[in-house]
């Protein structure tokens, strides 16, 4: 009987210890989860800095390239107009006799 009482007390003590350990484990896990969550949020903020900036820079780059291509197309159009006008001027000058053939001596 004394052995049984001893065993009952051991079981109760073990249950208390286990309960305490479970609570401690839950608290540890909760704290660890909170730390991990904060760490994750900080990492996400840091990561977003590197992701957002390149995207903004990429958009700026694409915008600049687009503007450059538009200006280049305008320049080509102007060059074509200048070539056409200079051709017309040369034709008109020939008709007016500005380019007479000279005889070599």
PDB file of N, CA and C in Angstrom:
ATOM      1  N   UNK A   1       0.821  -1.176   0.000  1.00  0.00           N
ATOM      2  CA  UNK A   1       0.000   0.000   0.000  1.00  0.00           C
ATOM      3  C   UNK A   1       0.875   1.254   0.000  1.00  0.00           C
ATOM      4  N   UNK A   2       1.905   1.245   0.765  1.00  0.00           N
ATOM      5  CA  UNK A   2       2.792   2.401   0.799  1.00  0.00           C
ATOM      6  C   UNK A   2       3.447   2.573  -0.563  1.00  0.00           C
ATOM      7  N   UNK A   3       3.770   1.473  -1.218  1.00  0.00           N
ATOM      8  CA  UNK A   3       4.341   1.523  -2.560  1.00  0.00           C
ATOM      9  C   UNK A   3       3.365   2.128  -3.545  1.00  0.00           C
ATOM     10  N   UNK A   4       2.070   1.763  -3.384  1.00  0.00           N
ATOM     11  CA  UNK A   4       1.048   2.312  -4.280  1.00  0.00           C
ATOM     12  C   UNK A   4       0.907   3.815  -4.076  1.00  0.00           C
ATOM     13  N   UNK A   5       0.924   4.259  -2.802  1.00  0.00           N
ATOM     14  CA  UNK A   5       0.810   5.687  -2.500  1.00  0.00           C
ATOM     15  C   UNK A   5       2.009   6.420  -3.087  1.00  0.00           C
ATOM     16  N   UNK A   6       3.159   5.812  -2.939  1.00  0.00           N
ATOM     17  CA  UNK A   6       4.358   6.410  -3.491  1.00  0.00           C
ATOM     18  C   UNK A   6       4.212   6.558  -5.001  1.00  0.00           C
ATOM     19  N   UNK A   7       3.692   5.504  -5.654  1.00  0.00           N
ATOM     20  CA  UNK A   7       3.496   5.542  -7.107  1.00  0.00           C
ATOM     21  C   UNK A   7       2.487   6.614  -7.511  1.00  0.00           C
ATOM     22  N   UNK A   8       1.418   6.766  -6.714  1.00  0.00           N
ATOM     23  CA  UNK A   8       0.408   7.780  -7.021  1.00  0.00           C
ATOM     24  C   UNK A   8       1.035   9.167  -6.945  1.00  0.00           C
ATOM     25  N   UNK A   9       1.823   9.381  -5.888  1.00  0.00           N
ATOM     26  CA  UNK A   9       2.493  10.679  -5.761  1.00  0.00           C
ATOM     27  C   UNK A   9       3.470  10.905  -6.910  1.00  0.00           C
ATOM     28  N   UNK A  10       4.161   9.853  -7.306  1.00  0.00           N
ATOM     29  CA  UNK A  10       5.081   9.958  -8.442  1.00  0.00           C
ATOM     30  C   UNK A  10       4.326  10.321  -9.721  1.00  0.00           C
ATOM     31  N   UNK A  11       3.168   9.668  -9.908  1.00  0.00           N
ATOM     32  CA  UNK A  11       2.361   9.944 -11.098  1.00  0.00           C
ATOM     33  C   UNK A  11       1.876  11.388 -11.075  1.00  0.00           C
ATOM     34  N   UNK A  12       1.380  11.837  -9.901  1.00  0.00           N
ATOM     35  CA  UNK A  12       0.907  13.222  -9.797  1.00  0.00           C
ATOM     36  C   UNK A  12       2.047  14.205 -10.049  1.00  0.00           C
ATOM     37  N   UNK A  13       3.206  13.905  -9.466  1.00  0.00           N
ATOM     38  CA  UNK A  13       4.368  14.764  -9.655  1.00  0.00           C
ATOM     39  C   UNK A  13       4.777  14.776 -11.121  1.00  0.00           C
ATOM     40  N   UNK A  14       4.767  13.614 -11.745  1.00  0.00           N
ATOM     41  CA  UNK A  14       5.112  13.508 -13.162  1.00  0.00           C
ATOM     42  C   UNK A  14       4.115  14.291 -14.007  1.00  0.00           C
ATOM     43  N   UNK A  15       2.825  14.179 -13.679  1.00  0.00           N
ATOM     44  CA  UNK A  15       1.804  14.923 -14.418  1.00  0.00           C
ATOM     45  C   UNK A  15       2.023  16.433 -14.292  1.00  0.00           C
ATOM     46  N   UNK A  16       2.351  16.858 -13.051  1.00  0.00           N
ATOM     47  CA  UNK A  16       2.604  18.288 -12.861  1.00  0.00           C
ATOM     48  C   UNK A  16       3.823  18.722 -13.668  1.00  0.00           C
ATOM     49  N   UNK A  17       4.865  17.904 -13.618  1.00  0.00           N
ATOM     50  CA  UNK A  17       6.082  18.220 -14.365  1.00  0.00           C
ATOM     51  C   UNK A  17       5.801  18.251 -15.867  1.00  0.00           C
ATOM     52  N   UNK A  18       5.075  17.256 -16.306  1.00  0.00           N
ATOM     53  CA  UNK A  18       4.756  17.180 -17.730  1.00  0.00           C
ATOM     54  C   UNK A  18       3.908  18.369 -18.142  1.00  0.00           C
ATOM     55  N   UNK A  19       2.915  18.698 -17.312  1.00  0.00           N
ATOM     56  CA  UNK A  19       2.069  19.856 -17.605  1.00  0.00           C
ATOM     57  C   UNK A  19       2.889  21.125 -17.660  1.00  0.00           C
ATOM     58  N   UNK A  20       3.761  21.256 -16.713  1.00  0.00           N
ATOM     59  CA  UNK A  20       4.636  22.424 -16.692  1.00  0.00           C
ATOM     60  C   UNK A  20       5.528  22.443 -17.916  1.00  0.00           C
ATOM     61  N   UNK A  21       6.038  21.297 -18.255  1.00  0.00           N
ATOM     62  CA  UNK A  21       6.895  21.211 -19.431  1.00  0.00           C
ATOM     63  C   UNK A  21       6.119  21.526 -20.704  1.00  0.00           C
ATOM     64  N   UNK A  22       4.876  21.036 -20.750  1.00  0.00           N
ATOM     65  CA  UNK A  22       4.068  21.322 -21.938  1.00  0.00           C
ATOM     66  C   UNK A  22       3.805  22.818 -22.052  1.00  0.00           C
ATOM     67  N   UNK A  23       3.486  23.427 -20.906  1.00  0.00           N
ATOM     68  CA  UNK A  23       3.265  24.879 -20.927  1.00  0.00           C
ATOM     69  C   UNK A  23       4.530  25.623 -21.333  1.00  0.00           C
ATOM     70  N   UNK A  24       5.650  25.174 -20.777  1.00  0.00           N
ATOM     71  CA  UNK A  24       6.922  25.792 -21.145  1.00  0.00           C
ATOM     72  C   UNK A  24       7.195  25.616 -22.635  1.00  0.00           C
ATOM     73  N   UNK A  25       6.912  24.414 -23.125  1.00  0.00           N
ATOM     74  CA  UNK A  25       7.126  24.154 -24.551  1.00  0.00           C
ATOM     75  C   UNK A  25       6.223  25.029 -25.410  1.00  0.00           C
ATOM     76  N   UNK A  26       4.974  25.173 -24.986  1.00  0.00           N
ATOM     77  CA  UNK A  26       4.037  26.020 -25.731  1.00  0.00           C
ATOM     78  C   UNK A  26       4.523  27.465 -25.720  1.00  0.00           C
ATOM     79  N   UNK A  27       4.967  27.929 -24.540  1.00  0.00           N
ATOM     80  CA  UNK A  27       5.478  29.296 -24.452  1.00  0.00           C
ATOM     81  C   UNK A  27       6.722  29.479 -25.317  1.00  0.00           C
ATOM     82  N   UNK A  28       7.613  28.497 -25.266  1.00  0.00           N
ATOM     83  CA  UNK A  28       8.824  28.571 -26.085  1.00  0.00           C
ATOM     84  C   UNK A  28       8.469  28.612 -27.564  1.00  0.00           C
ATOM     85  N   UNK A  29       7.537  27.744 -27.953  1.00  0.00           N
ATOM     86  CA  UNK A  29       7.120  27.721 -29.359  1.00  0.00           C
ATOM     87  C   UNK A  29       6.460  29.036 -29.750  1.00  0.00           C
ATOM     88  N   UNK A  30       5.647  29.562 -28.852  1.00  0.00           N
ATOM     89  CA  UNK A  30       4.972  30.837 -29.116  1.00  0.00           C
ATOM     90  C   UNK A  30       5.991  31.959 -29.277  1.00  0.00           C
ATOM     91  N   UNK A  31       6.966  31.993 -28.363  1.00  0.00           N
ATOM     92  CA  UNK A  31       8.018  33.012 -28.457  1.00  0.00           C
ATOM     93  C   UNK A  31       8.829  32.841 -29.738  1.00  0.00           C
ATOM     94  N   UNK A  32       9.146  31.587 -30.039  1.00  0.00           N
ATOM     95  CA  UNK A  32       9.917  31.313 -31.250  1.00  0.00           C
ATOM     96  C   UNK A  32       9.125  31.725 -32.488  1.00  0.00           C
ATOM     97  N   UNK A  33       7.826  31.427 -32.469  1.00  0.00           N
ATOM     98  CA  UNK A  33       6.961  31.816 -33.587  1.00  0.00           C
ATOM     99  C   UNK A  33       6.956  33.337 -33.745  1.00  0.00           C
ATOM    100  N   UNK A  34       6.848  34.045 -32.613  1.00  0.00           N
ATOM    101  CA  UNK A  34       6.840  35.512 -32.651  1.00  0.00           C
ATOM    102  C   UNK A  34       8.158  36.035 -33.195  1.00  0.00           C
ATOM    103  N   UNK A  35       9.272  35.461 -32.722  1.00  0.00           N
ATOM    104  CA  UNK A  35      10.588  35.868 -33.225  1.00  0.00           C
ATOM    105  C   UNK A  35      10.693  35.590 -34.718  1.00  0.00           C
ATOM    106  N   UNK A  36      10.250  34.387 -35.113  1.00  0.00           N
ATOM    107  CA  UNK A  36      10.317  34.029 -36.528  1.00  0.00           C
ATOM    108  C   UNK A  36       9.441  34.948 -37.369  1.00  0.00           C
ATOM    109  N   UNK A  37       8.274  35.278 -36.832  1.00  0.00           N
ATOM    110  CA  UNK A  37       7.353  36.157 -37.562  1.00  0.00           C
ATOM    111  C   UNK A  37       7.981  37.537 -37.737  1.00  0.00           C
ATOM    112  N   UNK A  38       8.564  38.070 -36.657  1.00  0.00           N
ATOM    113  CA  UNK A  38       9.222  39.378 -36.747  1.00  0.00           C
ATOM    114  C   UNK A  38      10.390  39.308 -37.722  1.00  0.00           C
ATOM    115  N   UNK A  39      11.167  38.255 -37.603  1.00  0.00           N
ATOM    116  CA  UNK A  39      12.298  38.075 -38.501  1.00  0.00           C
ATOM    117  C   UNK A  39      11.825  37.966 -39.948  1.00  0.00           C
ATOM    118  N   UNK A  40      10.747  37.229 -40.141  1.00  0.00           N
ATOM    119  CA  UNK A  40      10.180  37.077 -41.484  1.00  0.00           C
ATOM    120  C   UNK A  40       9.699  38.418 -42.025  1.00  0.00           C
ATOM    121  N   UNK A  41       9.006  39.198 -41.182  1.00  0.00           N
ATOM    122  CA  UNK A  41       8.507  40.505 -41.616  1.00  0.00           C
ATOM    123  C   UNK A  41       9.661  41.445 -41.945  1.00  0.00           C
ATOM    124  N   UNK A  42      10.718  41.415 -41.121  1.00  0.00           N
ATOM    125  CA  UNK A  42      11.888  42.247 -41.393  1.00  0.00           C
ATOM    126  C   UNK A  42      12.561  41.810 -42.686  1.00  0.00           C
ATOM    127  N   UNK A  43      12.677  40.511 -42.875  1.00  0.00           N
ATOM    128  CA  UNK A  43      13.271  39.996 -44.104  1.00  0.00           C
ATOM    129  C   UNK A  43      12.437  40.389 -45.312  1.00  0.00           C
ATOM    130  N   UNK A  44      11.128  40.329 -45.160  1.00  0.00           N
ATOM    131  CA  UNK A  44      10.228  40.695 -46.250  1.00  0.00           C
ATOM    132  C   UNK A  44      10.378  42.171 -46.599  1.00  0.00           C
ATOM    133  N   UNK A  45      10.490  43.027 -45.580  1.00  0.00           N
ATOM    134  CA  UNK A  45      10.697  44.456 -45.827  1.00  0.00           C
ATOM    135  C   UNK A  45      12.016  44.676 -46.555  1.00  0.00           C
ATOM    136  N   UNK A  46      13.063  44.008 -46.081  1.00  0.00           N
ATOM    137  CA  UNK A  46      14.379  44.142 -46.704  1.00  0.00           C
ATOM    138  C   UNK A  46      14.334  43.634 -48.141  1.00  0.00           C
ATOM    139  N   UNK A  47      13.677  42.517 -48.337  1.00  0.00           N
ATOM    140  CA  UNK A  47      13.548  41.927 -49.670  1.00  0.00           C
ATOM    141  C   UNK A  47      12.776  42.855 -50.595  1.00  0.00           C
ATOM    142  N   UNK A  48      11.714  43.454 -50.078  1.00  0.00           N
ATOM    143  CA  UNK A  48      10.888  44.332 -50.911  1.00  0.00           C
ATOM    144  C   UNK A  48      11.664  45.571 -51.343  1.00  0.00           C
ATOM    145  N   UNK A  49      12.619  46.015 -50.534  1.00  0.00           N
ATOM    146  CA  UNK A  49      13.459  47.150 -50.941  1.00  0.00           C
ATOM    147  C   UNK A  49      14.210  46.804 -52.222  1.00  0.00           C
ATOM    148  N   UNK A  50      14.748  45.599 -52.255  1.00  0.00           N
ATOM    149  CA  UNK A  50      15.535  45.205 -53.414  1.00  0.00           C
ATOM    150  C   UNK A  50      14.667  44.867 -54.612  1.00  0.00           C
ATOM    151  N   UNK A  51      13.468  44.429 -54.370  1.00  0.00           N
ATOM    152  CA  UNK A  51      12.569  44.086 -55.467  1.00  0.00           C
ATOM    153  C   UNK A  51      11.917  45.333 -56.042  1.00  0.00           C
ATOM    154  N   UNK A  52      11.449  46.226 -55.192  1.00  0.00           N
ATOM    155  CA  UNK A  52      10.737  47.410 -55.666  1.00  0.00           C
ATOM    156  C   UNK A  52      11.676  48.347 -56.416  1.00  0.00           C
ATOM    157  N   UNK A  53      12.852  48.570 -55.887  1.00  0.00           N
ATOM    158  CA  UNK A  53      13.787  49.489 -56.531  1.00  0.00           C
ATOM    159  C   UNK A  53      14.153  49.021 -57.932  1.00  0.00           C
ATOM    160  N   UNK A  54      14.536  47.751 -58.117  1.00  0.00           N
ATOM    161  CA  UNK A  54      14.834  47.325 -59.482  1.00  0.00           C
ATOM    162  C   UNK A  54      13.633  47.451 -60.410  1.00  0.00           C
ATOM    163  N   UNK A  55      12.418  47.178 -59.927  1.00  0.00           N
ATOM    164  CA  UNK A  55      11.244  47.315 -60.777  1.00  0.00           C
ATOM    165  C   UNK A  55      11.048  48.766 -61.170  1.00  0.00           C
ATOM    166  N   UNK A  56      11.238  49.683 -60.238  1.00  0.00           N
ATOM    167  CA  UNK A  56      11.113  51.104 -60.544  1.00  0.00           C
ATOM    168  C   UNK A  56      12.194  51.513 -61.536  1.00  0.00           C
ATOM    169  N   UNK A  57      13.396  51.020 -61.321  1.00  0.00           N
ATOM    170  CA  UNK A  57      14.497  51.327 -62.238  1.00  0.00           C
ATOM    171  C   UNK A  57      14.241  50.702 -63.603  1.00  0.00           C
ATOM    172  N   UNK A  58      13.679  49.506 -63.603  1.00  0.00           N
ATOM    173  CA  UNK A  58      13.351  48.832 -64.864  1.00  0.00           C
ATOM    174  C   UNK A  58      12.307  49.641 -65.632  1.00  0.00           C
ATOM    175  N   UNK A  59      11.292  50.137 -64.916  1.00  0.00           N
ATOM    176  CA  UNK A  59      10.260  50.962 -65.556  1.00  0.00           C
ATOM    177  C   UNK A  59      10.865  52.241 -66.109  1.00  0.00           C
ATOM    178  N   UNK A  60      11.760  52.856 -65.359  1.00  0.00           N
ATOM    179  CA  UNK A  60      12.434  54.077 -65.810  1.00  0.00           C
ATOM    180  C   UNK A  60      13.251  53.788 -67.057  1.00  0.00           C
ATOM    181  N   UNK A  61      13.985  52.694 -67.033  1.00  0.00           N
ATOM    182  CA  UNK A  61      14.803  52.295 -68.181  1.00  0.00           C
ATOM    183  C   UNK A  61      13.937  52.094 -69.422  1.00  0.00           C
ATOM    184  N   UNK A  62      12.840  51.357 -69.263  1.00  0.00           N
ATOM    185  CA  UNK A  62      11.956  51.101 -70.397  1.00  0.00           C
ATOM    186  C   UNK A  62      11.352  52.395 -70.923  1.00  0.00           C
ATOM    187  N   UNK A  63      11.011  53.305 -70.028  1.00  0.00           N
ATOM    188  CA  UNK A  63      10.462  54.601 -70.426  1.00  0.00           C
ATOM    189  C   UNK A  63      11.496  55.401 -71.218  1.00  0.00           C
ATOM    190  N   UNK A  64      12.736  55.408 -70.737  1.00  0.00           N
ATOM    191  CA  UNK A  64      13.801  56.130 -71.438  1.00  0.00           C
ATOM    192  C   UNK A  64      14.068  55.531 -72.813  1.00  0.00           C
ATOM    193  N   UNK A  65      14.066  54.218 -72.891  1.00  0.00           N
ATOM    194  CA  UNK A  65      14.283  53.556 -74.182  1.00  0.00           C
ATOM    195  C   UNK A  65      13.159  53.908 -75.145  1.00  0.00           C
ATOM    196  N   UNK A  66      11.932  53.909 -74.643  1.00  0.00           N
ATOM    197  CA  UNK A  66      10.778  54.247 -75.479  1.00  0.00           C
ATOM    198  C   UNK A  66      10.885  55.685 -75.989  1.00  0.00           C
ATOM    199  N   UNK A  67      11.226  56.623 -75.094  1.00  0.00           N
ATOM    200  CA  UNK A  67      11.399  58.021 -75.494  1.00  0.00           C
ATOM    201  C   UNK A  67      12.501  58.151 -76.538  1.00  0.00           C
ATOM    202  N   UNK A  68      13.609  57.443 -76.323  1.00  0.00           N
ATOM    203  CA  UNK A  68      14.729  57.488 -77.260  1.00  0.00           C
ATOM    204  C   UNK A  68      14.301  56.983 -78.635  1.00  0.00           C
ATOM    205  N   UNK A  69      13.567  55.874 -78.661  1.00  0.00           N
ATOM    206  CA  UNK A  69      13.101  55.329 -79.933  1.00  0.00           C
ATOM    207  C   UNK A  69      12.160  56.301 -80.636  1.00  0.00           C
ATOM    208  N   UNK A  70      11.284  56.972 -79.869  1.00  0.00           N
ATOM    209  CA  UNK A  70      10.381  57.962 -80.459  1.00  0.00           C
ATOM    210  C   UNK A  70      11.169  59.122 -81.061  1.00  0.00           C
ATOM    211  N   UNK A  71      12.162  59.618 -80.324  1.00  0.00           N
ATOM    212  CA  UNK A  71      12.995  60.706 -80.840  1.00  0.00           C
ATOM    213  C   UNK A  71      13.782  60.268 -82.069  1.00  0.00           C
ATOM    214  N   UNK A  72      14.274  59.046 -82.033  1.00  0.00           N
ATOM    215  CA  UNK A  72      15.015  58.521 -83.178  1.00  0.00           C
ATOM    216  C   UNK A  72      14.114  58.423 -84.405  1.00  0.00           C
ATOM    217  N   UNK A  73      12.877  57.978 -84.200  1.00  0.00           N
ATOM    218  CA  UNK A  73      11.928  57.907 -85.314  1.00  0.00           C
ATOM    219  C   UNK A  73      11.619  59.302 -85.854  1.00  0.00           C
ATOM    220  N   UNK A  74      11.471  60.282 -84.956  1.00  0.00           N
ATOM    221  CA  UNK A  74      11.249  61.662 -85.396  1.00  0.00           C
ATOM    222  C   UNK A  74      12.454  62.154 -86.192  1.00  0.00           C
ATOM    223  N   UNK A  75      13.641  61.819 -85.699  1.00  0.00           N
ATOM    224  CA  UNK A  75      14.867  62.234 -86.386  1.00  0.00           C
ATOM    225  C   UNK A  75      14.936  61.610 -87.773  1.00  0.00           C
ATOM    226  N   UNK A  76      14.585  60.337 -87.874  1.00  0.00           N
ATOM    227  CA  UNK A  76      14.582  59.670 -89.181  1.00  0.00           C
ATOM    228  C   UNK A  76      13.586  60.342 -90.114  1.00  0.00           C
ATOM    229  N   UNK A  77      12.417  60.689 -89.579  1.00  0.00           N
ATOM    230  CA  UNK A  77      11.406  61.366 -90.396  1.00  0.00           C
ATOM    231  C   UNK A  77      11.927  62.723 -90.869  1.00  0.00           C
ATOM    232  N   UNK A  78      12.577  63.456 -89.976  1.00  0.00           N
ATOM    233  CA  UNK A  78      13.148  64.759 -90.342  1.00  0.00           C
ATOM    234  C   UNK A  78      14.248  64.574 -91.379  1.00  0.00           C
ATOM    235  N   UNK A  79      15.113  63.564 -91.184  1.00  0.00           N
ATOM    236  CA  UNK A  79      16.172  63.285 -92.164  1.00  0.00           C
ATOM    237  C   UNK A  79      15.574  62.975 -93.532  1.00  0.00           C
ATOM    238  N   UNK A  80      14.508  62.185 -93.543  1.00  0.00           N
ATOM    239  CA  UNK A  80      13.854  61.860 -94.814  1.00  0.00           C
ATOM    240  C   UNK A  80      13.286  63.116 -95.473  1.00  0.00           C
ATOM    241  N   UNK A  81      12.671  63.995 -94.675  1.00  0.00           N
ATOM    242  CA  UNK A  81      12.143  65.252 -95.209  1.00  0.00           C
ATOM    243  C   UNK A  81      13.268  66.117 -95.763  1.00  0.00           C
ATOM    244  N   UNK A  82      14.387  66.191 -95.026  1.00  0.00           N
ATOM    245  CA  UNK A  82      15.529  66.986 -95.490  1.00  0.00           C
ATOM    246  C   UNK A  82      16.096  66.429 -96.792  1.00  0.00           C
ATOM    247  N   UNK A  83      16.212  65.097 -96.862  1.00  0.00           N
ATOM    248  CA  UNK A  83      16.703  64.474 -98.097  1.00  0.00           C
ATOM    249  C   UNK A  83      15.778  64.791 -99.265  1.00  0.00           C
ATOM    250  N   UNK A  84      14.481  64.695 -99.027  1.00  0.00           N
ATOM    251  CA  UNK A  84      13.508  64.984-100.091  1.00  0.00           C
ATOM    252  C   UNK A  84      13.612  66.445-100.523  1.00  0.00           C
ATOM    253  N   UNK A  85      13.693  67.352 -99.565  1.00  0.00           N
ATOM    254  CA  UNK A  85      13.798  68.783 -99.890  1.00  0.00           C
ATOM    255  C   UNK A  85      15.100  69.085-100.619  1.00  0.00           C
ATOM    256  N   UNK A  86      16.200  68.505-100.172  1.00  0.00           N
ATOM    257  CA  UNK A  86      17.477  68.767-100.845  1.00  0.00           C
ATOM    258  C   UNK A  86      17.453  68.214-102.266  1.00  0.00           C
ATOM    259  N   UNK A  87      16.791  67.079-102.462  1.00  0.00           N
ATOM    260  CA  UNK A  87      16.630  66.540-103.819  1.00  0.00           C
ATOM    261  C   UNK A  87      15.823  67.484-104.691  1.00  0.00           C
ATOM    262  N   UNK A  88      14.745  68.038-104.141  1.00  0.00           N
ATOM    263  CA  UNK A  88      13.924  69.000-104.886  1.00  0.00           C
ATOM    264  C   UNK A  88      14.735  70.254-105.215  1.00  0.00           C
ATOM    265  N   UNK A  89      15.540  70.715-104.259  1.00  0.00           N
ATOM    266  CA  UNK A  89      16.369  71.909-104.479  1.00  0.00           C
ATOM    267  C   UNK A  89      17.370  71.648-105.599  1.00  0.00           C
ATOM    268  N   UNK A  90      18.017  70.474-105.568  1.00  0.00           N
ATOM    269  CA  UNK A  90      18.983  70.144-106.621  1.00  0.00           C
ATOM    270  C   UNK A  90      18.305  70.072-107.989  1.00  0.00           C
ATOM    271  N   UNK A  91      17.141  69.441-108.039  1.00  0.00           N
ATOM    272  CA  UNK A  91      16.403  69.364-109.306  1.00  0.00           C
ATOM    273  C   UNK A  91      16.051  70.764-109.804  1.00  0.00           C
ATOM    274  N   UNK A  92      15.573  71.603-108.925  1.00  0.00           N
ATOM    275  CA  UNK A  92      15.204  72.969-109.294  1.00  0.00           C
ATOM    276  C   UNK A  92      16.429  73.752-109.756  1.00  0.00           C
ATOM    277  N   UNK A  93      17.554  73.567-109.057  1.00  0.00           N
ATOM    278  CA  UNK A  93      18.790  74.267-109.427  1.00  0.00           C
ATOM    279  C   UNK A  93      19.265  73.825-110.805  1.00  0.00           C
ATOM    280  N   UNK A  94      19.147  72.530-111.106  1.00  0.00           N
ATOM    281  CA  UNK A  94      19.539  72.028-112.425  1.00  0.00           C
ATOM    282  C   UNK A  94      18.664  72.655-113.508  1.00  0.00           C
ATOM    283  N   UNK A  95      17.368  72.740-113.230  1.00  0.00           N
ATOM    284  CA  UNK A  95      16.441  73.320-114.197  1.00  0.00           C
ATOM    285  C   UNK A  95      16.734  74.799-114.428  1.00  0.00           C
ATOM    286  N   UNK A  96      17.183  75.456-113.406  1.00  0.00           N
ATOM    287  CA  UNK A  96      17.508  76.876-113.528  1.00  0.00           C
ATOM    288  C   UNK A  96      18.884  77.093-114.146  1.00  0.00           C
ATOM    289  N   UNK A  97      19.634  76.042-114.308  1.00  0.00           N
ATOM    290  CA  UNK A  97      20.937  76.149-114.947  1.00  0.00           C
ATOM    291  C   UNK A  97      22.057  76.507-113.998  1.00  0.00           C
ATOM    292  N   UNK A  98      21.882  76.288-112.749  1.00  0.00           N
ATOM    293  CA  UNK A  98      22.950  76.579-111.788  1.00  0.00           C
ATOM    294  C   UNK A  98      24.116  75.599-111.923  1.00  0.00           C
ATOM    295  N   UNK A  99      23.854  74.447-112.504  1.00  0.00           N
ATOM    296  CA  UNK A  99      24.911  73.443-112.648  1.00  0.00           C
ATOM    297  C   UNK A  99      25.219  73.289-114.137  1.00  0.00           C
ATOM    298  N   UNK A 100      25.866  74.252-114.699  1.00  0.00           N
ATOM    299  CA  UNK A 100      26.225  74.183-116.114  1.00  0.00           C
ATOM    300  C   UNK A 100      27.504  73.392-116.244  1.00  0.00           C
ATOM    301  N   UNK A 101      27.571  72.674-117.314  1.00  0.00           N
ATOM    302  CA  UNK A 101      28.794  71.919-117.585  1.00  0.00           C
ATOM    303  C   UNK A 101      29.858  72.891-118.056  1.00  0.00           C
ATOM    304  N   UNK A 102      31.027  72.714-117.524  1.00  0.00           N
ATOM    305  CA  UNK A 102      32.153  73.549-117.945  1.00  0.00           C
ATOM    306  C   UNK A 102      33.065  72.711-118.804  1.00  0.00           C
ATOM    307  N   UNK A 103      33.684  73.352-119.742  1.00  0.00           N
ATOM    308  CA  UNK A 103      34.611  72.651-120.633  1.00  0.00           C
ATOM    309  C   UNK A 103      35.989  72.649-120.008  1.00  0.00           C
ATOM    310  N   UNK A 104      36.633  71.508-120.108  1.00  0.00           N
ATOM    311  CA  UNK A 104      38.001  71.414-119.608  1.00  0.00           C
ATOM    312  C   UNK A 104      38.923  71.913-120.704  1.00  0.00           C
ATOM    313  N   UNK A 105      39.936  72.609-120.329  1.00  0.00           N
ATOM    314  CA  UNK A 105      40.879  73.166-121.300  1.00  0.00           C
ATOM    315  C   UNK A 105      42.036  72.255-121.491  1.00  0.00           C
TER     316      UNK A 105
END
